[in-house]
Amino acid sequence: SRQEIVNNLAASIYKQGERSNEAGDFRGAADHYLRIAKVAPRSEIRPIAEYDAGTALLRLEDWQSALSVLEAFRSNHPDHDLHQEATQQVAFVYRKTGNASRAAEEYERVAREADKPELRAESLLVAGQLYEEAKLLDRALESYGRYVSEFTDPIETAVVTRFKMSELHHQVGNSEGRMAELRKIVALDRQAGGQGTDTIRGLAARSALLLSEEHFHAFQAVQL
């Protein structure tokens, strides 16, 4: 009957944490939740308690402590149902603390582990934006590239993302990549039909103009 007694002990401590949480004492709640790992390390409720401790520390905006607890949770319980939510929380903390590159890596991890397509799509876009902030343009292009290759709907988001990619290709000096994205935008506008929007038409027009400028510069370079 030992395991049952251990589980009951852990449940009692967890209840103390819940009471502190309800009273707004998030520090006390986190301390109770984390105490379970010391008092009843093999209890069934331990993983949930550790995750809840991280959540309580997030509410305190104690970012470093929350990060430590959530990363330990992922390491100690890699197959737990809350693993994906913990990764999202870790990504959120890195973003709040201004570590754009680490946040982007975590959002890529969220995308890899996501069961829902909409979460994967959103995570890839956020990862791309954060890599841009961190000036890691090649990695931003990789994230955006995975998004546009997998998600063509909504078409407006795909077009906006491809236009971002064309600008990033321009910044890294990849003229061929830039032209390819601009041509794709023009093609998507033609295929949009009833899904066409002012944003799509505007970006397609700008893309067509940029494509024509390339031809014009080539024309100017020819001596008659």
C-alpha atoms as a PDB file:
ATOM      1  CA  SER A   1       0.000   0.000   0.000  1.00  0.00           C
ATOM      2  CA  ARG A   2       3.062   2.294   0.022  1.00  0.00           C
ATOM      3  CA  GLN A   3       2.417   3.840  -3.425  1.00  0.00           C
ATOM      4  CA  GLU A   4      -1.140   4.728  -2.452  1.00  0.00           C
ATOM      5  CA  ILE A   5       0.116   6.471   0.679  1.00  0.00           C
ATOM      6  CA  VAL A   6       2.755   8.365  -1.352  1.00  0.00           C
ATOM      7  CA  ASN A   7       0.085   9.487  -3.826  1.00  0.00           C
ATOM      8  CA  ASN A   8      -2.170  10.662  -1.002  1.00  0.00           C
ATOM      9  CA  LEU A   9       0.672  12.619   0.561  1.00  0.00           C
ATOM     10  CA  ALA A  10       1.433  14.275  -2.782  1.00  0.00           C
ATOM     11  CA  ALA A  11      -2.256  15.063  -3.309  1.00  0.00           C
ATOM     12  CA  SER A  12      -2.392  16.753   0.084  1.00  0.00           C
ATOM     13  CA  ILE A  13       0.572  18.963  -0.736  1.00  0.00           C
ATOM     14  CA  TYR A  14      -0.943  19.697  -4.153  1.00  0.00           C
ATOM     15  CA  LYS A  15      -4.133  20.852  -2.412  1.00  0.00           C
ATOM     16  CA  GLN A  16      -2.030  23.259  -0.355  1.00  0.00           C
ATOM     17  CA  GLY A  17      -0.624  24.605  -3.592  1.00  0.00           C
ATOM     18  CA  GLU A  18      -4.116  25.026  -5.008  1.00  0.00           C
ATOM     19  CA  ARG A  19      -5.218  26.950  -1.918  1.00  0.00           C
ATOM     20  CA  SER A  20      -2.218  29.295  -2.206  1.00  0.00           C
ATOM     21  CA  ASN A  21      -2.895  29.720  -5.917  1.00  0.00           C
ATOM     22  CA  GLU A  22      -6.537  30.630  -5.300  1.00  0.00           C
ATOM     23  CA  ALA A  23      -5.433  33.170  -2.668  1.00  0.00           C
ATOM     24  CA  GLY A  24      -3.070  34.844  -5.142  1.00  0.00           C
ATOM     25  CA  ASP A  25       0.038  33.609  -3.342  1.00  0.00           C
ATOM     26  CA  PHE A  26       1.750  32.308  -6.452  1.00  0.00           C
ATOM     27  CA  ARG A  27       5.154  32.034  -4.826  1.00  0.00           C
ATOM     28  CA  GLY A  28       3.717  29.894  -2.063  1.00  0.00           C
ATOM     29  CA  ALA A  29       1.830  27.824  -4.625  1.00  0.00           C
ATOM     30  CA  ALA A  30       5.002  27.176  -6.613  1.00  0.00           C
ATOM     31  CA  ASP A  31       6.872  26.182  -3.452  1.00  0.00           C
ATOM     32  CA  HIS A  32       4.166  23.660  -2.531  1.00  0.00           C
ATOM     33  CA  TYR A  33       4.050  22.191  -6.025  1.00  0.00           C
ATOM     34  CA  LEU A  34       7.832  21.830  -6.168  1.00  0.00           C
ATOM     35  CA  ARG A  35       7.934  20.274  -2.687  1.00  0.00           C
ATOM     36  CA  ILE A  36       6.169  17.212  -4.076  1.00  0.00           C
ATOM     37  CA  ALA A  37       9.297  16.237  -6.056  1.00  0.00           C
ATOM     38  CA  LYS A  38      11.266  16.111  -2.784  1.00  0.00           C
ATOM     39  CA  VAL A  39       8.668  14.492  -0.537  1.00  0.00           C
ATOM     40  CA  ALA A  40       6.994  12.142  -3.019  1.00  0.00           C
ATOM     41  CA  PRO A  41       9.173  11.953  -6.133  1.00  0.00           C
ATOM     42  CA  ARG A  42       7.400   8.861  -7.505  1.00  0.00           C
ATOM     43  CA  SER A  43       3.880  10.173  -7.013  1.00  0.00           C
ATOM     44  CA  GLU A  44       1.529  10.216  -9.979  1.00  0.00           C
ATOM     45  CA  ILE A  45       0.718  13.890  -9.538  1.00  0.00           C
ATOM     46  CA  ARG A  46       4.333  15.092  -9.561  1.00  0.00           C
ATOM     47  CA  PRO A  47       4.525  16.036 -13.308  1.00  0.00           C
ATOM     48  CA  ILE A  48       1.336  18.119 -13.160  1.00  0.00           C
ATOM     49  CA  ALA A  49       2.581  19.793  -9.972  1.00  0.00           C
ATOM     50  CA  GLU A  50       5.873  20.772 -11.619  1.00  0.00           C
ATOM     51  CA  TYR A  51       4.064  22.186 -14.643  1.00  0.00           C
ATOM     52  CA  ASP A  52       1.696  24.134 -12.388  1.00  0.00           C
ATOM     53  CA  ALA A  53       4.707  25.477 -10.481  1.00  0.00           C
ATOM     54  CA  GLY A  54       6.073  26.869 -13.726  1.00  0.00           C
ATOM     55  CA  THR A  55       2.695  28.441 -14.514  1.00  0.00           C
ATOM     56  CA  ALA A  56       2.551  30.059 -11.053  1.00  0.00           C
ATOM     57  CA  LEU A  57       6.036  31.523 -11.542  1.00  0.00           C
ATOM     58  CA  LEU A  58       4.976  32.879 -14.934  1.00  0.00           C
ATOM     59  CA  ARG A  59       2.130  34.727 -13.224  1.00  0.00           C
ATOM     60  CA  LEU A  60       4.740  36.286 -10.936  1.00  0.00           C
ATOM     61  CA  GLU A  61       6.792  37.203 -14.024  1.00  0.00           C
ATOM     62  CA  ASP A  62       9.737  35.467 -12.404  1.00  0.00           C
ATOM     63  CA  TRP A  63      10.991  34.506 -15.839  1.00  0.00           C
ATOM     64  CA  GLN A  64      14.245  32.795 -14.915  1.00  0.00           C
ATOM     65  CA  SER A  65      12.708  30.620 -12.211  1.00  0.00           C
ATOM     66  CA  ALA A  66       9.811  29.725 -14.496  1.00  0.00           C
ATOM     67  CA  LEU A  67      12.235  28.832 -17.274  1.00  0.00           C
ATOM     68  CA  SER A  68      14.266  26.606 -14.968  1.00  0.00           C
ATOM     69  CA  VAL A  69      11.171  24.763 -13.732  1.00  0.00           C
ATOM     70  CA  LEU A  70       9.616  24.317 -17.190  1.00  0.00           C
ATOM     71  CA  GLU A  71      12.837  23.101 -18.781  1.00  0.00           C
ATOM     72  CA  ALA A  72      13.282  20.633 -15.917  1.00  0.00           C
ATOM     73  CA  PHE A  73       9.706  19.454 -16.495  1.00  0.00           C
ATOM     74  CA  ARG A  74      10.444  18.788 -20.178  1.00  0.00           C
ATOM     75  CA  SER A  75      13.624  16.938 -19.291  1.00  0.00           C
ATOM     76  CA  ASN A  76      12.078  14.843 -16.514  1.00  0.00           C
ATOM     77  CA  HIS A  77       8.792  14.047 -18.273  1.00  0.00           C
ATOM     78  CA  PRO A  78       9.438  13.973 -22.041  1.00  0.00           C
ATOM     79  CA  ASP A  79       6.357  11.859 -22.802  1.00  0.00           C
ATOM     80  CA  HIS A  80       3.854  13.718 -20.637  1.00  0.00           C
ATOM     81  CA  ASP A  81       0.684  15.134 -22.194  1.00  0.00           C
ATOM     82  CA  LEU A  82       1.685  18.643 -21.050  1.00  0.00           C
ATOM     83  CA  HIS A  83       5.081  18.507 -22.782  1.00  0.00           C
ATOM     84  CA  GLN A  84       3.881  20.525 -25.782  1.00  0.00           C
ATOM     85  CA  GLU A  85       2.281  23.192 -23.579  1.00  0.00           C
ATOM     86  CA  ALA A  86       5.526  23.440 -21.599  1.00  0.00           C
ATOM     87  CA  THR A  87       7.460  24.094 -24.826  1.00  0.00           C
ATOM     88  CA  GLN A  88       5.044  26.889 -25.702  1.00  0.00           C
ATOM     89  CA  GLN A  89       5.586  28.407 -22.250  1.00  0.00           C
ATOM     90  CA  VAL A  90       9.372  28.168 -22.631  1.00  0.00           C
ATOM     91  CA  ALA A  91       9.152  29.909 -26.004  1.00  0.00           C
ATOM     92  CA  PHE A  92       6.998  32.617 -24.417  1.00  0.00           C
ATOM     93  CA  VAL A  93       9.564  33.194 -21.637  1.00  0.00           C
ATOM     94  CA  TYR A  94      12.477  33.527 -24.049  1.00  0.00           C
ATOM     95  CA  ARG A  95      10.438  36.001 -26.076  1.00  0.00           C
ATOM     96  CA  LYS A  96       9.529  38.044 -22.977  1.00  0.00           C
ATOM     97  CA  THR A  97      13.172  38.190 -21.880  1.00  0.00           C
ATOM     98  CA  GLY A  98      14.335  39.432 -25.279  1.00  0.00           C
ATOM     99  CA  ASN A  99      16.191  36.300 -26.366  1.00  0.00           C
ATOM    100  CA  ALA A 100      14.760  36.255 -29.884  1.00  0.00           C
ATOM    101  CA  SER A 101      16.973  33.502 -31.304  1.00  0.00           C
ATOM    102  CA  ARG A 102      16.243  31.032 -28.476  1.00  0.00           C
ATOM    103  CA  ALA A 103      12.544  31.912 -28.625  1.00  0.00           C
ATOM    104  CA  ALA A 104      12.563  31.213 -32.371  1.00  0.00           C
ATOM    105  CA  GLU A 105      14.178  27.818 -31.800  1.00  0.00           C
ATOM    106  CA  GLU A 106      11.500  26.939 -29.263  1.00  0.00           C
ATOM    107  CA  TYR A 107       8.709  28.028 -31.620  1.00  0.00           C
ATOM    108  CA  GLU A 108      10.242  25.788 -34.287  1.00  0.00           C
ATOM    109  CA  ARG A 109      10.118  22.977 -31.751  1.00  0.00           C
ATOM    110  CA  VAL A 110       6.456  23.781 -31.073  1.00  0.00           C
ATOM    111  CA  ALA A 111       5.836  23.541 -34.826  1.00  0.00           C
ATOM    112  CA  ARG A 112       7.564  20.146 -35.026  1.00  0.00           C
ATOM    113  CA  GLU A 113       5.575  18.730 -32.124  1.00  0.00           C
ATOM    114  CA  ALA A 114       2.221  20.367 -32.944  1.00  0.00           C
ATOM    115  CA  ASP A 115      -0.752  18.097 -33.531  1.00  0.00           C
ATOM    116  CA  LYS A 116      -2.930  20.887 -34.880  1.00  0.00           C
ATOM    117  CA  PRO A 117      -2.058  22.428 -38.284  1.00  0.00           C
ATOM    118  CA  GLU A 118      -3.085  25.918 -37.147  1.00  0.00           C
ATOM    119  CA  LEU A 119      -0.618  25.780 -34.226  1.00  0.00           C
ATOM    120  CA  ARG A 120       2.157  24.573 -36.534  1.00  0.00           C
ATOM    121  CA  ALA A 121       1.406  27.362 -39.027  1.00  0.00           C
ATOM    122  CA  GLU A 122       1.366  30.082 -36.370  1.00  0.00           C
ATOM    123  CA  SER A 123       4.555  28.785 -34.732  1.00  0.00           C
ATOM    124  CA  LEU A 124       6.479  28.772 -38.026  1.00  0.00           C
ATOM    125  CA  LEU A 125       5.471  32.366 -38.730  1.00  0.00           C
ATOM    126  CA  VAL A 126       6.418  33.508 -35.227  1.00  0.00           C
ATOM    127  CA  ALA A 127       9.756  31.680 -35.495  1.00  0.00           C
ATOM    128  CA  GLY A 128      10.463  33.473 -38.773  1.00  0.00           C
ATOM    129  CA  GLN A 129       9.659  36.864 -37.252  1.00  0.00           C
ATOM    130  CA  LEU A 130      11.899  36.199 -34.263  1.00  0.00           C
ATOM    131  CA  TYR A 131      14.787  35.072 -36.456  1.00  0.00           C
ATOM    132  CA  GLU A 132      14.374  38.350 -38.349  1.00  0.00           C
ATOM    133  CA  GLU A 133      14.599  40.241 -35.047  1.00  0.00           C
ATOM    134  CA  ALA A 134      17.748  38.306 -34.195  1.00  0.00           C
ATOM    135  CA  LYS A 135      19.210  39.153 -37.648  1.00  0.00           C
ATOM    136  CA  LEU A 136      19.444  35.454 -38.494  1.00  0.00           C
ATOM    137  CA  LEU A 137      18.026  35.935 -41.959  1.00  0.00           C
ATOM    138  CA  ASP A 138      18.899  32.512 -43.394  1.00  0.00           C
ATOM    139  CA  ARG A 139      17.056  30.811 -40.553  1.00  0.00           C
ATOM    140  CA  ALA A 140      14.117  33.187 -40.987  1.00  0.00           C
ATOM    141  CA  LEU A 141      13.958  32.162 -44.637  1.00  0.00           C
ATOM    142  CA  GLU A 142      13.972  28.492 -43.622  1.00  0.00           C
ATOM    143  CA  SER A 143      11.013  28.963 -41.267  1.00  0.00           C
ATOM    144  CA  TYR A 144       9.040  31.016 -43.747  1.00  0.00           C
ATOM    145  CA  GLY A 145       9.916  28.540 -46.491  1.00  0.00           C
ATOM    146  CA  ARG A 146       8.509  25.653 -44.471  1.00  0.00           C
ATOM    147  CA  TYR A 147       5.338  27.670 -43.911  1.00  0.00           C
ATOM    148  CA  VAL A 148       4.658  28.552 -47.561  1.00  0.00           C
ATOM    149  CA  SER A 149       5.472  25.036 -48.756  1.00  0.00           C
ATOM    150  CA  GLU A 150       2.941  23.539 -46.356  1.00  0.00           C
ATOM    151  CA  PHE A 151       0.231  26.187 -45.986  1.00  0.00           C
ATOM    152  CA  THR A 152      -1.303  27.803 -49.058  1.00  0.00           C
ATOM    153  CA  ASP A 153      -4.495  28.847 -47.282  1.00  0.00           C
ATOM    154  CA  PRO A 154      -5.255  31.580 -46.399  1.00  0.00           C
ATOM    155  CA  ILE A 155      -3.739  32.790 -49.623  1.00  0.00           C
ATOM    156  CA  GLU A 156      -3.217  36.342 -48.321  1.00  0.00           C
ATOM    157  CA  THR A 157      -0.912  35.114 -45.541  1.00  0.00           C
ATOM    158  CA  ALA A 158       1.008  33.006 -48.059  1.00  0.00           C
ATOM    159  CA  VAL A 159       1.468  36.027 -50.339  1.00  0.00           C
ATOM    160  CA  VAL A 160       2.535  38.321 -47.481  1.00  0.00           C
ATOM    161  CA  THR A 161       5.024  35.695 -46.296  1.00  0.00           C
ATOM    162  CA  ARG A 162       6.465  35.213 -49.780  1.00  0.00           C
ATOM    163  CA  PHE A 163       6.912  38.969 -50.145  1.00  0.00           C
ATOM    164  CA  LYS A 164       8.815  38.991 -46.836  1.00  0.00           C
ATOM    165  CA  MET A 165      10.961  36.186 -48.214  1.00  0.00           C
ATOM    166  CA  SER A 166      11.679  38.181 -51.375  1.00  0.00           C
ATOM    167  CA  GLU A 167      12.932  41.070 -49.236  1.00  0.00           C
ATOM    168  CA  LEU A 168      15.067  38.755 -47.110  1.00  0.00           C
ATOM    169  CA  HIS A 169      16.579  37.185 -50.226  1.00  0.00           C
ATOM    170  CA  HIS A 170      17.385  40.716 -51.391  1.00  0.00           C
ATOM    171  CA  GLN A 171      19.104  41.494 -48.064  1.00  0.00           C
ATOM    172  CA  VAL A 172      21.282  38.379 -48.226  1.00  0.00           C
ATOM    173  CA  GLY A 173      22.157  39.013 -51.871  1.00  0.00           C
ATOM    174  CA  ASN A 174      20.217  36.121 -53.382  1.00  0.00           C
ATOM    175  CA  SER A 175      18.798  37.716 -56.524  1.00  0.00           C
ATOM    176  CA  GLU A 176      17.605  34.419 -57.995  1.00  0.00           C
ATOM    177  CA  GLY A 177      15.688  33.537 -54.822  1.00  0.00           C
ATOM    178  CA  ARG A 178      14.146  36.992 -54.743  1.00  0.00           C
ATOM    179  CA  MET A 179      12.945  36.785 -58.348  1.00  0.00           C
ATOM    180  CA  ALA A 180      11.491  33.321 -57.760  1.00  0.00           C
ATOM    181  CA  GLU A 181       9.374  34.580 -54.880  1.00  0.00           C
ATOM    182  CA  LEU A 182       8.181  37.633 -56.820  1.00  0.00           C
ATOM    183  CA  ARG A 183       7.135  35.445 -59.752  1.00  0.00           C
ATOM    184  CA  LYS A 184       5.278  33.138 -57.388  1.00  0.00           C
ATOM    185  CA  ILE A 185       3.371  36.099 -55.906  1.00  0.00           C
ATOM    186  CA  VAL A 186       2.268  37.254 -59.345  1.00  0.00           C
ATOM    187  CA  ALA A 187       1.136  33.696 -60.137  1.00  0.00           C
ATOM    188  CA  LEU A 188      -0.786  33.395 -56.852  1.00  0.00           C
ATOM    189  CA  ASP A 189      -2.605  36.648 -57.599  1.00  0.00           C
ATOM    190  CA  ARG A 190      -3.735  35.249 -60.945  1.00  0.00           C
ATOM    191  CA  GLN A 191      -4.954  32.076 -59.261  1.00  0.00           C
ATOM    192  CA  ALA A 192      -6.666  33.822 -56.336  1.00  0.00           C
ATOM    193  CA  GLY A 193     -10.050  34.216 -57.970  1.00  0.00           C
ATOM    194  CA  GLY A 194     -12.678  35.020 -55.354  1.00  0.00           C
ATOM    195  CA  GLN A 195     -10.065  34.879 -52.587  1.00  0.00           C
ATOM    196  CA  GLY A 196      -8.266  37.920 -53.983  1.00  0.00           C
ATOM    197  CA  THR A 197      -7.888  40.892 -51.632  1.00  0.00           C
ATOM    198  CA  ASP A 198      -6.496  44.399 -51.908  1.00  0.00           C
ATOM    199  CA  THR A 199      -3.408  43.228 -50.044  1.00  0.00           C
ATOM    200  CA  ILE A 200      -2.789  40.403 -52.516  1.00  0.00           C
ATOM    201  CA  ARG A 201      -3.336  42.663 -55.520  1.00  0.00           C
ATOM    202  CA  GLY A 202      -1.092  45.368 -54.060  1.00  0.00           C
ATOM    203  CA  LEU A 203       1.797  43.000 -53.339  1.00  0.00           C
ATOM    204  CA  ALA A 204       1.382  41.345 -56.736  1.00  0.00           C
ATOM    205  CA  ALA A 205       1.568  44.766 -58.417  1.00  0.00           C
ATOM    206  CA  ARG A 206       4.716  45.648 -56.480  1.00  0.00           C
ATOM    207  CA  SER A 207       6.192  42.261 -57.372  1.00  0.00           C
ATOM    208  CA  ALA A 208       5.438  42.763 -61.066  1.00  0.00           C
ATOM    209  CA  LEU A 209       7.064  46.192 -60.935  1.00  0.00           C
ATOM    210  CA  LEU A 210      10.190  44.802 -59.263  1.00  0.00           C
ATOM    211  CA  LEU A 211      10.382  42.040 -61.852  1.00  0.00           C
ATOM    212  CA  SER A 212      10.095  44.563 -64.692  1.00  0.00           C
ATOM    213  CA  GLU A 213      12.841  46.683 -63.113  1.00  0.00           C
ATOM    214  CA  GLU A 214      15.229  43.759 -63.407  1.00  0.00           C
ATOM    215  CA  HIS A 215      14.492  43.548 -67.140  1.00  0.00           C
ATOM    216  CA  PHE A 216      14.878  47.325 -67.452  1.00  0.00           C
ATOM    217  CA  HIS A 217      18.287  47.293 -65.758  1.00  0.00           C
ATOM    218  CA  ALA A 218      19.382  44.497 -68.092  1.00  0.00           C
ATOM    219  CA  PHE A 219      18.172  46.565 -71.053  1.00  0.00           C
ATOM    220  CA  GLN A 220      20.078  49.643 -69.848  1.00  0.00           C
ATOM    221  CA  ALA A 221      23.269  47.630 -69.570  1.00  0.00           C
ATOM    222  CA  VAL A 222      23.233  46.792 -73.278  1.00  0.00           C
ATOM    223  CA  GLN A 223      25.216  49.208 -75.441  1.00  0.00           C
ATOM    224  CA  LEU A 224      23.398  49.940 -78.714  1.00  0.00           C
END
